[in-house]
């Protein structure tokens, strides 16, 4: 029986001071290489109380509310589509269910053995779905190609395996980025995204092409509603413990043509905000809508966002108002910056990134989770330089204790309550299960500290 834990508070937030520490643009090693880059020892307390008899309300067919499991010491691993693509698919089609169940159980057990208590599972990477959905097509990374249906629900299997091991699970979505231009033609026309693509009145407005990839445009209420409906579907179908949004907001490098019709209509109606500020507002409306959907379903569920570490790029070029989300009620429960840097990075070193994000938070009700990655440890082992780090470009080549020192540093952050680590394939080969040789030295130091670390002191 799982014991339940505390949740981040939702009291009113106070105003924040916007910061602007100078960081030259870099190519972040985020959750996906395309764009950027515990033992269960934590104290747990009840998050949400259900009726004592656990019965359904007499006037409703809805089941009794699920009681989320969210640990006071948040120790999460991101489980990305790239970790899972060769587990979902075998021989160009969806892997057989029995085989998939075996792999899913092994992956979950490995994650628990390392010392993590939470898994953040990618369920919507490209305006598609890792589970059978009413709103989005099945991902090609699950069934082999767009236009196919799933033989079984892989996310349901992962979720059950994780909960059986006492792990918390958050569903991870990418709201705006969609599939490639070469892929969207195969999507069934029963989905709104394909209908908008096929309709000249919506193509280029609701769904916009940029560098051969399609993006949903959050400037339109109908588009925001699709994204929110898709999130609500996850909450209603699965007993997840939270919803997680990643770092893909507006695509970097877009010009005024991306949303010119919507912005022109705004200006014609009397709007005076500059284009950049207006875009930030559209994203904030979407984020607020997602937060509301989560809390309307179950107030104890968490909703968090993981922006890239370069806060200037996030705000200025991706149009995500991270300052507003951290200072005002109704947006997020936690912010999880991807601090994928060493201590010697010339312009955006690890300490600058994590302390700047902490300074955005002016209330204890928004928590700080630090995102970390073993990606540069892996490439550094093979002699790969951190090309955007300036004088610190060889730091990951010459050191094998960076991540353990970064974990230690999180204890100095007053508002930090945990970490999230990218990702499974840097610890184990997903198919063979073998430990990754290139990160062995870093892991040997990191894992023992992870198992004993608490941020509740």
Protein backbone atom coordinates (compact mmCIF):
# COMPACT_ATOMS: atom_id res chain seq x y z
CA UNK A 1 0.00 0.00 0.00
CA UNK A 2 1.41 3.34 -1.02
CA UNK A 3 1.77 6.00 1.62
CA UNK A 4 0.94 9.46 0.34
CA UNK A 5 2.89 12.64 0.58
CA UNK A 6 2.72 16.36 0.63
CA UNK A 7 1.90 18.54 -2.33
CA UNK A 8 3.09 21.97 -3.23
CA UNK A 9 0.82 24.68 -1.80
CA UNK A 10 -1.49 26.88 -3.83
CA UNK A 11 -1.71 30.01 -1.68
CA UNK A 12 -1.63 33.47 -3.26
CA UNK A 13 1.62 34.57 -4.83
CA UNK A 14 3.42 37.92 -4.46
CA UNK A 15 5.05 40.10 -7.11
CA UNK A 16 8.50 39.26 -8.50
CA UNK A 17 11.33 41.39 -9.78
CA UNK A 18 12.20 40.58 -13.38
CA UNK A 19 15.84 39.74 -13.85
CA UNK A 20 17.99 40.03 -16.89
CA UNK A 21 21.35 38.41 -16.37
CA UNK A 22 23.31 38.40 -19.58
CA UNK A 23 23.60 35.08 -21.31
CA UNK A 24 24.69 34.77 -24.89
CA UNK A 25 22.62 32.34 -26.85
CA UNK A 26 23.62 28.72 -26.74
CA UNK A 27 22.30 25.51 -28.14
CA UNK A 28 20.92 23.79 -25.05
CA UNK A 29 21.23 20.06 -24.69
CA UNK A 30 17.58 19.78 -23.79
CA UNK A 31 15.29 16.85 -23.51
CA UNK A 32 15.46 16.30 -27.23
CA UNK A 33 18.64 16.75 -29.25
CA UNK A 34 16.70 18.28 -32.13
CA UNK A 35 16.40 21.68 -30.45
CA UNK A 36 18.40 22.18 -27.25
CA UNK A 37 19.22 19.87 -24.78
CA UNK A 38 16.05 6.22 -3.93
CA UNK A 39 15.36 4.25 -2.42
CA UNK A 40 11.90 5.26 -1.24
CA UNK A 41 13.11 6.89 1.95
CA UNK A 42 11.44 10.29 1.58
CA UNK A 43 8.85 11.18 4.18
CA UNK A 44 5.34 11.08 2.73
CA UNK A 45 2.07 12.50 4.02
CA UNK A 46 -1.50 12.44 2.74
CA UNK A 47 -2.16 14.73 -0.18
CA UNK A 48 -5.88 14.31 -0.74
CA UNK A 49 -8.53 12.70 1.38
CA UNK A 50 -11.18 10.56 -0.28
CA UNK A 51 -14.44 9.49 1.40
CA UNK A 52 -13.87 6.93 4.12
CA UNK A 53 -16.01 4.34 2.38
CA UNK A 54 -14.32 5.11 -0.97
CA UNK A 55 -17.69 5.01 -2.72
CA UNK A 56 -18.80 6.96 -5.74
CA UNK A 57 -21.06 9.95 -5.09
CA UNK A 58 -24.70 8.97 -5.35
CA UNK A 59 -25.35 11.55 -8.09
CA UNK A 60 -22.37 10.76 -10.27
CA UNK A 61 -20.89 7.93 -12.30
CA UNK A 62 -17.38 9.18 -11.68
CA UNK A 63 -15.10 6.96 -9.59
CA UNK A 64 -13.76 8.10 -6.24
CA UNK A 65 -11.01 10.69 -6.61
CA UNK A 66 -7.53 9.31 -7.08
CA UNK A 67 -5.08 10.23 -4.36
CA UNK A 68 -1.84 11.31 -6.05
CA UNK A 69 1.55 10.19 -4.80
CA UNK A 70 4.04 13.06 -4.88
CA UNK A 71 7.16 12.82 -2.77
CA UNK A 72 8.42 15.60 -0.53
CA UNK A 73 11.89 14.99 -1.95
CA UNK A 74 11.23 15.06 -5.68
CA UNK A 75 13.69 12.70 -7.41
CA UNK A 76 12.53 12.34 -10.98
CA UNK A 77 13.83 10.81 -14.18
CA UNK A 78 12.58 11.93 -17.59
CA UNK A 79 11.57 8.96 -19.72
CA UNK A 80 11.58 10.37 -23.24
CA UNK A 81 10.30 9.09 -26.55
CA UNK A 82 13.94 8.59 -27.55
CA UNK A 83 14.51 6.33 -24.55
CA UNK A 84 11.47 4.30 -25.55
CA UNK A 85 11.38 4.32 -29.35
CA UNK A 86 13.06 0.91 -29.70
CA UNK A 87 10.89 -0.44 -26.90
CA UNK A 88 7.62 0.75 -28.43
CA UNK A 89 8.50 -0.43 -31.94
CA UNK A 90 10.05 -3.67 -33.21
CA UNK A 91 10.42 -4.51 -36.88
CA UNK A 92 8.71 -1.30 -37.93
CA UNK A 93 5.48 -1.99 -36.03
CA UNK A 94 4.28 -1.78 -32.45
CA UNK A 95 6.12 -4.32 -30.31
CA UNK A 96 4.06 -7.26 -29.06
CA UNK A 97 2.33 -6.59 -25.79
CA UNK A 98 3.95 -9.36 -23.75
CA UNK A 99 7.42 -8.25 -24.80
CA UNK A 100 6.59 -4.62 -24.08
CA UNK A 101 5.35 -5.47 -20.58
CA UNK A 102 8.65 -7.20 -19.83
CA UNK A 103 10.68 -4.22 -20.98
CA UNK A 104 8.45 -1.73 -19.14
CA UNK A 105 8.82 -3.57 -15.84
CA UNK A 106 12.60 -3.77 -16.21
CA UNK A 107 12.92 -0.07 -17.02
CA UNK A 108 10.77 0.93 -14.06
CA UNK A 109 12.71 -1.32 -11.68
CA UNK A 110 16.01 0.09 -12.90
CA UNK A 111 14.77 3.64 -12.33
CA UNK A 112 13.73 2.77 -8.79
CA UNK A 113 16.99 0.95 -8.07
CA UNK A 114 19.02 3.99 -9.10
CA UNK A 115 17.23 6.01 -6.42
CA UNK A 116 14.47 7.89 -8.24
CA UNK A 117 10.94 8.06 -6.87
CA UNK A 118 9.23 9.77 -9.82
CA UNK A 119 9.05 9.19 -13.57
CA UNK A 120 8.14 11.93 -16.03
CA UNK A 121 6.84 10.00 -19.05
CA UNK A 122 6.58 11.60 -22.50
CA UNK A 123 3.06 11.08 -23.80
CA UNK A 124 2.75 13.87 -26.42
CA UNK A 125 5.96 14.83 -28.26
CA UNK A 126 4.71 16.02 -31.68
CA UNK A 127 0.98 16.83 -31.39
CA UNK A 128 0.51 13.07 -31.34
CA UNK A 129 -0.03 10.52 -28.61
CA UNK A 130 1.72 7.65 -26.88
CA UNK A 131 -1.70 6.28 -25.86
CA UNK A 132 -5.00 5.81 -27.77
CA UNK A 133 -6.47 9.32 -27.89
CA UNK A 134 -9.65 10.93 -29.11
CA UNK A 135 -7.82 14.17 -29.89
CA UNK A 136 -4.41 13.22 -31.27
CA UNK A 137 -3.12 10.50 -33.64
CA UNK A 138 -0.99 7.66 -32.38
CA UNK A 139 2.67 8.59 -32.49
CA UNK A 140 4.79 7.07 -35.21
CA UNK A 141 7.31 6.36 -32.45
CA UNK A 142 4.80 3.95 -30.89
CA UNK A 143 3.18 2.28 -33.89
CA UNK A 144 5.86 2.68 -36.58
CA UNK A 145 4.21 5.35 -38.75
CA UNK A 146 1.35 7.81 -38.66
CA UNK A 147 -2.05 6.53 -39.74
CA UNK A 148 -1.89 3.34 -37.66
CA UNK A 149 -3.82 2.49 -34.51
CA UNK A 150 -2.32 0.93 -31.39
CA UNK A 151 -2.88 -2.73 -30.60
CA UNK A 152 -2.70 -1.95 -26.86
CA UNK A 153 -2.10 1.03 -24.56
CA UNK A 154 1.61 1.28 -23.70
CA UNK A 155 1.24 4.22 -21.33
CA UNK A 156 -1.27 2.33 -19.21
CA UNK A 157 1.29 -0.47 -18.88
CA UNK A 158 4.11 1.89 -17.88
CA UNK A 159 1.86 3.66 -15.39
CA UNK A 160 0.79 0.43 -13.70
CA UNK A 161 4.35 -0.87 -13.56
CA UNK A 162 5.50 2.38 -11.93
CA UNK A 163 2.69 2.54 -9.42
CA UNK A 164 3.25 -1.14 -8.54
CA UNK A 165 6.81 -0.12 -7.58
CA UNK A 166 5.60 2.85 -5.55
CA UNK A 167 6.82 5.42 -8.06
CA UNK A 168 5.01 8.65 -8.83
CA UNK A 169 4.23 9.35 -12.50
CA UNK A 170 3.78 12.65 -14.29
CA UNK A 171 2.50 12.80 -17.86
CA UNK A 172 4.79 14.92 -20.03
CA UNK A 173 3.37 16.89 -22.95
CA UNK A 174 4.75 19.14 -25.65
CA UNK A 175 1.78 21.38 -26.46
CA UNK A 176 2.70 23.28 -29.64
CA UNK A 177 5.24 21.40 -31.74
CA UNK A 178 3.70 18.97 -34.25
CA UNK A 179 4.93 16.48 -36.81
CA UNK A 180 7.07 17.11 -39.89
CA UNK A 181 5.61 18.28 -43.16
CA UNK A 182 6.51 14.91 -44.66
CA UNK A 183 4.48 13.12 -41.96
CA UNK A 184 1.28 15.10 -41.49
CA UNK A 185 -0.26 13.86 -44.74
CA UNK A 186 -0.53 10.38 -43.21
CA UNK A 187 -2.59 11.57 -40.22
CA UNK A 188 -6.24 10.51 -40.28
CA UNK A 189 -8.67 13.34 -41.06
CA UNK A 190 -10.74 12.51 -37.97
CA UNK A 191 -8.22 14.54 -35.95
CA UNK A 192 -8.55 18.31 -35.76
CA UNK A 193 -4.90 18.89 -36.54
CA UNK A 194 -5.34 17.18 -39.93
CA UNK A 195 -8.61 18.98 -40.59
CA UNK A 196 -6.87 22.31 -40.01
CA UNK A 197 -4.03 21.22 -42.27
CA UNK A 198 -6.47 20.32 -45.05
CA UNK A 199 -8.54 23.52 -44.75
CA UNK A 200 -7.08 26.62 -46.43
CA UNK A 201 -8.91 28.81 -43.90
CA UNK A 202 -6.94 27.29 -41.01
CA UNK A 203 -3.71 26.09 -42.56
CA UNK A 204 -1.14 28.77 -41.86
CA UNK A 205 -3.22 30.15 -38.98
CA UNK A 206 -4.24 27.43 -36.51
CA UNK A 207 -1.37 25.26 -37.68
CA UNK A 208 1.78 26.93 -39.02
CA UNK A 209 4.78 25.52 -40.89
CA UNK A 210 8.25 26.56 -39.80
CA UNK A 211 11.40 24.88 -41.11
CA UNK A 212 9.51 21.83 -42.39
CA UNK A 213 7.73 21.25 -39.09
CA UNK A 214 4.19 22.18 -38.13
CA UNK A 215 3.28 24.04 -34.95
CA UNK A 216 -0.01 24.70 -33.23
CA UNK A 217 -0.63 28.43 -32.85
CA UNK A 218 -1.81 29.31 -29.30
CA UNK A 219 -3.16 32.70 -30.43
CA UNK A 220 -6.51 31.04 -31.25
CA UNK A 221 -8.95 29.87 -28.62
CA UNK A 222 -9.83 26.76 -30.63
CA UNK A 223 -6.19 25.70 -30.69
CA UNK A 224 -5.71 26.29 -26.99
CA UNK A 225 -8.86 24.29 -26.33
CA UNK A 226 -7.53 21.32 -28.30
CA UNK A 227 -4.36 21.34 -26.20
CA UNK A 228 -6.34 21.64 -22.95
CA UNK A 229 -8.80 18.94 -24.00
CA UNK A 230 -5.89 16.64 -24.73
CA UNK A 231 -4.45 17.29 -21.27
CA UNK A 232 -7.82 16.75 -19.62
CA UNK A 233 -8.15 13.46 -21.48
CA UNK A 234 -4.93 12.22 -19.85
CA UNK A 235 -6.18 13.19 -16.40
CA UNK A 236 -9.51 11.44 -16.92
CA UNK A 237 -8.08 8.26 -18.47
CA UNK A 238 -5.14 7.68 -16.15
CA UNK A 239 -4.30 7.96 -12.47
CA UNK A 240 -1.30 10.17 -13.05
CA UNK A 241 0.21 12.22 -10.26
CA UNK A 242 0.82 15.35 -12.30
CA UNK A 243 1.10 17.02 -15.68
CA UNK A 244 4.46 18.22 -16.99
CA UNK A 245 5.14 20.63 -19.86
CA UNK A 246 8.57 20.91 -21.44
CA UNK A 247 10.69 23.62 -23.07
CA UNK A 248 9.24 23.80 -26.58
CA UNK A 249 7.21 26.99 -26.73
CA UNK A 250 7.19 29.19 -29.82
CA UNK A 251 9.90 27.90 -32.18
CA UNK A 252 13.03 30.00 -32.05
CA UNK A 253 13.66 32.18 -35.08
CA UNK A 254 10.08 32.82 -36.19
CA UNK A 255 9.26 36.16 -37.77
CA UNK A 256 6.05 38.20 -37.81
CA UNK A 257 4.48 35.98 -40.47
CA UNK A 258 4.07 33.10 -38.02
CA UNK A 259 0.98 34.66 -36.44
CA UNK A 260 0.43 37.81 -38.48
CA UNK A 261 -3.31 37.31 -39.01
CA UNK A 262 -4.03 36.83 -35.32
CA UNK A 263 -1.84 39.75 -34.29
CA UNK A 264 -3.39 42.02 -36.93
CA UNK A 265 -6.84 41.18 -35.59
CA UNK A 266 -5.63 42.00 -32.09
CA UNK A 267 -4.27 45.38 -33.16
CA UNK A 268 -7.44 46.14 -35.15
CA UNK A 269 -9.50 45.50 -32.02
CA UNK A 270 -7.50 48.14 -30.15
CA UNK A 271 -4.65 46.05 -28.75
CA UNK A 272 -1.42 47.95 -28.16
CA UNK A 273 1.04 45.34 -26.87
CA UNK A 274 4.16 44.72 -28.92
CA UNK A 275 4.26 41.43 -30.82
CA UNK A 276 6.67 39.79 -28.36
CA UNK A 277 4.56 40.74 -25.33
CA UNK A 278 1.38 39.65 -27.10
CA UNK A 279 2.91 36.24 -27.84
CA UNK A 280 3.89 35.85 -24.20
CA UNK A 281 0.32 36.59 -23.23
CA UNK A 282 -1.02 33.90 -25.61
CA UNK A 283 1.29 31.34 -24.04
CA UNK A 284 0.33 32.45 -20.55
CA UNK A 285 -3.37 32.03 -21.37
CA UNK A 286 -2.59 28.48 -22.49
CA UNK A 287 -0.53 27.71 -19.39
CA UNK A 288 -3.23 29.07 -17.12
CA UNK A 289 -5.79 26.94 -18.94
CA UNK A 290 -3.71 23.81 -18.44
CA UNK A 291 -3.23 24.61 -14.74
CA UNK A 292 -6.99 25.10 -14.34
CA UNK A 293 -7.73 21.80 -16.07
CA UNK A 294 -5.37 20.00 -13.70
CA UNK A 295 -6.81 21.60 -10.57
CA UNK A 296 -10.43 21.19 -11.66
CA UNK A 297 -9.79 17.48 -12.05
CA UNK A 298 -7.92 17.04 -8.76
CA UNK A 299 -6.41 19.85 -6.72
CA UNK A 300 -3.72 17.53 -5.39
CA UNK A 301 -2.21 16.90 -8.82
CA UNK A 302 0.91 18.88 -9.73
CA UNK A 303 1.45 20.97 -12.84
CA UNK A 304 5.00 22.01 -13.65
CA UNK A 305 6.99 23.44 -16.53
CA UNK A 306 10.59 22.74 -17.52
CA UNK A 307 12.05 25.66 -19.52
CA UNK A 308 15.51 25.69 -21.03
CA UNK A 309 18.26 26.91 -18.75
CA UNK A 310 19.05 30.04 -20.75
CA UNK A 311 16.38 32.25 -19.22
CA UNK A 312 17.05 35.11 -21.63
CA UNK A 313 16.46 32.86 -24.64
CA UNK A 314 13.31 31.45 -23.06
CA UNK A 315 11.83 34.88 -22.47
CA UNK A 316 13.11 36.81 -25.49
CA UNK A 317 13.14 34.20 -28.25
CA UNK A 318 10.66 31.51 -27.19
CA UNK A 319 8.22 34.06 -25.71
CA UNK A 320 7.60 32.16 -22.48
CA UNK A 321 6.90 34.50 -19.55
CA UNK A 322 8.66 32.45 -16.90
CA UNK A 323 8.71 35.49 -14.60
CA UNK A 324 4.94 35.81 -14.62
CA UNK A 325 4.42 32.09 -14.11
CA UNK A 326 6.66 32.15 -11.04
CA UNK A 327 5.11 35.20 -9.42
CA UNK A 328 1.36 34.99 -10.03
CA UNK A 329 -1.25 32.42 -8.96
CA UNK A 330 -2.87 30.09 -11.43
CA UNK A 331 0.05 29.04 -13.61
CA UNK A 332 2.36 26.40 -12.12
CA UNK A 333 3.18 24.43 -8.98
CA UNK A 334 6.88 24.14 -9.82
CA UNK A 335 9.46 25.45 -12.25
CA UNK A 336 12.12 22.99 -13.43
CA UNK A 337 14.88 24.77 -15.39
CA UNK A 338 17.10 22.56 -17.50
CA UNK A 339 20.42 23.55 -15.94
CA UNK A 340 22.45 21.42 -18.34
CA UNK A 341 25.73 23.30 -17.84
CA UNK A 342 28.99 22.92 -16.02
CA UNK A 343 30.38 25.27 -13.42
CA UNK A 344 32.86 26.73 -15.93
CA UNK A 345 30.45 27.66 -18.72
CA UNK A 346 31.54 31.13 -19.87
CA UNK A 347 28.12 32.80 -20.02
CA UNK A 348 25.50 30.52 -18.45
CA UNK A 349 27.23 28.51 -15.76
CA UNK A 350 25.25 26.15 -13.55
CA UNK A 351 25.26 28.40 -10.47
CA UNK A 352 24.06 31.45 -12.41
CA UNK A 353 21.22 29.50 -14.00
CA UNK A 354 19.85 27.86 -10.84
CA UNK A 355 20.18 30.95 -8.66
CA UNK A 356 18.53 33.15 -11.28
CA UNK A 357 15.56 30.83 -11.58
CA UNK A 358 15.28 30.68 -7.81
CA UNK A 359 15.22 34.48 -7.68
CA UNK A 360 12.17 34.50 -9.95
CA UNK A 361 10.16 32.76 -7.25
CA UNK A 362 8.73 35.11 -4.64
CA UNK A 363 6.48 32.65 -2.84
CA UNK A 364 6.89 29.28 -1.15
CA UNK A 365 3.91 27.95 -3.11
CA UNK A 366 5.92 27.71 -6.33
CA UNK A 367 8.69 25.19 -5.88
CA UNK A 368 12.05 24.90 -7.60
CA UNK A 369 13.08 21.60 -9.17
CA UNK A 370 16.51 21.53 -10.82
CA UNK A 371 16.77 19.81 -14.18
CA UNK A 372 20.06 17.98 -14.80
CA UNK A 373 21.43 15.94 -17.70
CA UNK A 374 24.08 13.26 -18.11
CA UNK A 375 24.32 14.07 -21.82
CA UNK A 376 27.49 16.15 -21.60
CA UNK A 377 29.06 13.63 -19.25
CA UNK A 378 28.55 11.01 -21.94
CA UNK A 379 29.90 13.13 -24.77
CA UNK A 380 32.76 14.42 -22.61
CA UNK A 381 33.91 10.87 -21.92
CA UNK A 382 34.40 10.46 -25.67
CA UNK A 383 36.31 13.73 -25.93
CA UNK A 384 33.43 15.89 -27.06
CA UNK A 385 33.78 19.55 -26.13
CA UNK A 386 30.95 21.70 -24.83
CA UNK A 387 31.15 23.97 -27.85
CA UNK A 388 29.03 26.80 -26.46
CA UNK A 389 30.83 26.98 -23.10
CA UNK A 390 33.68 29.28 -24.14
CA UNK A 391 36.60 28.81 -21.76
CA UNK A 392 34.76 25.94 -20.08
CA UNK A 393 34.42 23.88 -23.23
CA UNK A 394 36.69 21.09 -21.91
CA UNK A 395 35.15 20.91 -18.45
CA UNK A 396 33.18 17.72 -19.15
CA UNK A 397 36.26 16.09 -20.68
CA UNK A 398 38.56 16.82 -17.76
CA UNK A 399 36.16 16.16 -14.86
CA UNK A 400 34.13 13.16 -13.76
CA UNK A 401 32.40 14.66 -10.71
CA UNK A 402 30.41 17.56 -12.13
CA UNK A 403 26.94 16.15 -11.62
CA UNK A 404 27.53 15.06 -8.03
CA UNK A 405 28.80 18.56 -7.23
CA UNK A 406 25.75 20.03 -8.90
CA UNK A 407 23.51 17.77 -6.85
CA UNK A 408 25.31 18.90 -3.71
CA UNK A 409 24.78 22.52 -4.73
CA UNK A 410 21.00 22.09 -4.83
CA UNK A 411 21.11 21.83 -1.04
CA UNK A 412 22.13 25.50 -0.93
CA UNK A 413 19.00 26.56 -2.81
CA UNK A 414 16.42 27.52 -0.24
CA UNK A 415 13.44 26.97 -2.54
CA UNK A 416 14.63 23.73 -4.12
CA UNK A 417 12.68 20.58 -3.27
CA UNK A 418 14.18 18.15 -5.74
CA UNK A 419 15.71 17.35 -9.11
CA UNK A 420 14.75 15.86 -12.46
CA UNK A 421 17.39 14.01 -14.47
CA UNK A 422 17.56 13.51 -18.20
CA UNK A 423 17.41 10.67 -19.08
CA UNK A 424 17.14 6.87 -18.90
CA UNK A 425 19.40 6.10 -21.89
CA UNK A 426 22.34 7.79 -20.13
CA UNK A 427 22.04 5.24 -17.31
CA UNK A 428 20.96 2.06 -19.11
CA UNK A 429 20.70 0.91 -22.69
CA UNK A 430 16.89 0.71 -23.00
CA UNK A 431 16.89 -2.54 -24.98
CA UNK A 432 19.75 -4.54 -23.46
CA UNK A 433 19.49 -3.03 -19.99
CA UNK A 434 23.27 -2.70 -19.82
CA UNK A 435 24.69 0.18 -17.82
CA UNK A 436 26.14 2.97 -19.94
CA UNK A 437 29.94 2.84 -19.86
CA UNK A 438 30.53 6.50 -20.71
CA UNK A 439 28.65 7.82 -17.66
CA UNK A 440 29.86 5.20 -15.18
CA UNK A 441 32.29 7.47 -13.30
CA UNK A 442 29.75 10.27 -12.86
CA UNK A 443 27.03 7.81 -11.85
CA UNK A 444 29.26 6.10 -9.29
CA UNK A 445 29.42 9.36 -7.34
CA UNK A 446 25.97 10.70 -8.13
CA UNK A 447 23.76 7.71 -7.32
CA UNK A 448 24.80 7.17 -3.66
CA UNK A 449 24.27 10.86 -2.92
CA UNK A 450 20.91 10.85 -4.70
CA UNK A 451 19.67 8.04 -2.49
CA UNK A 452 20.47 9.90 0.72
CA UNK A 453 19.74 13.50 -0.29
CA UNK A 454 16.82 15.33 1.27
CA UNK A 455 15.80 18.94 0.72
CA UNK A 456 13.52 19.06 3.75
CA UNK A 457 16.20 20.09 6.26
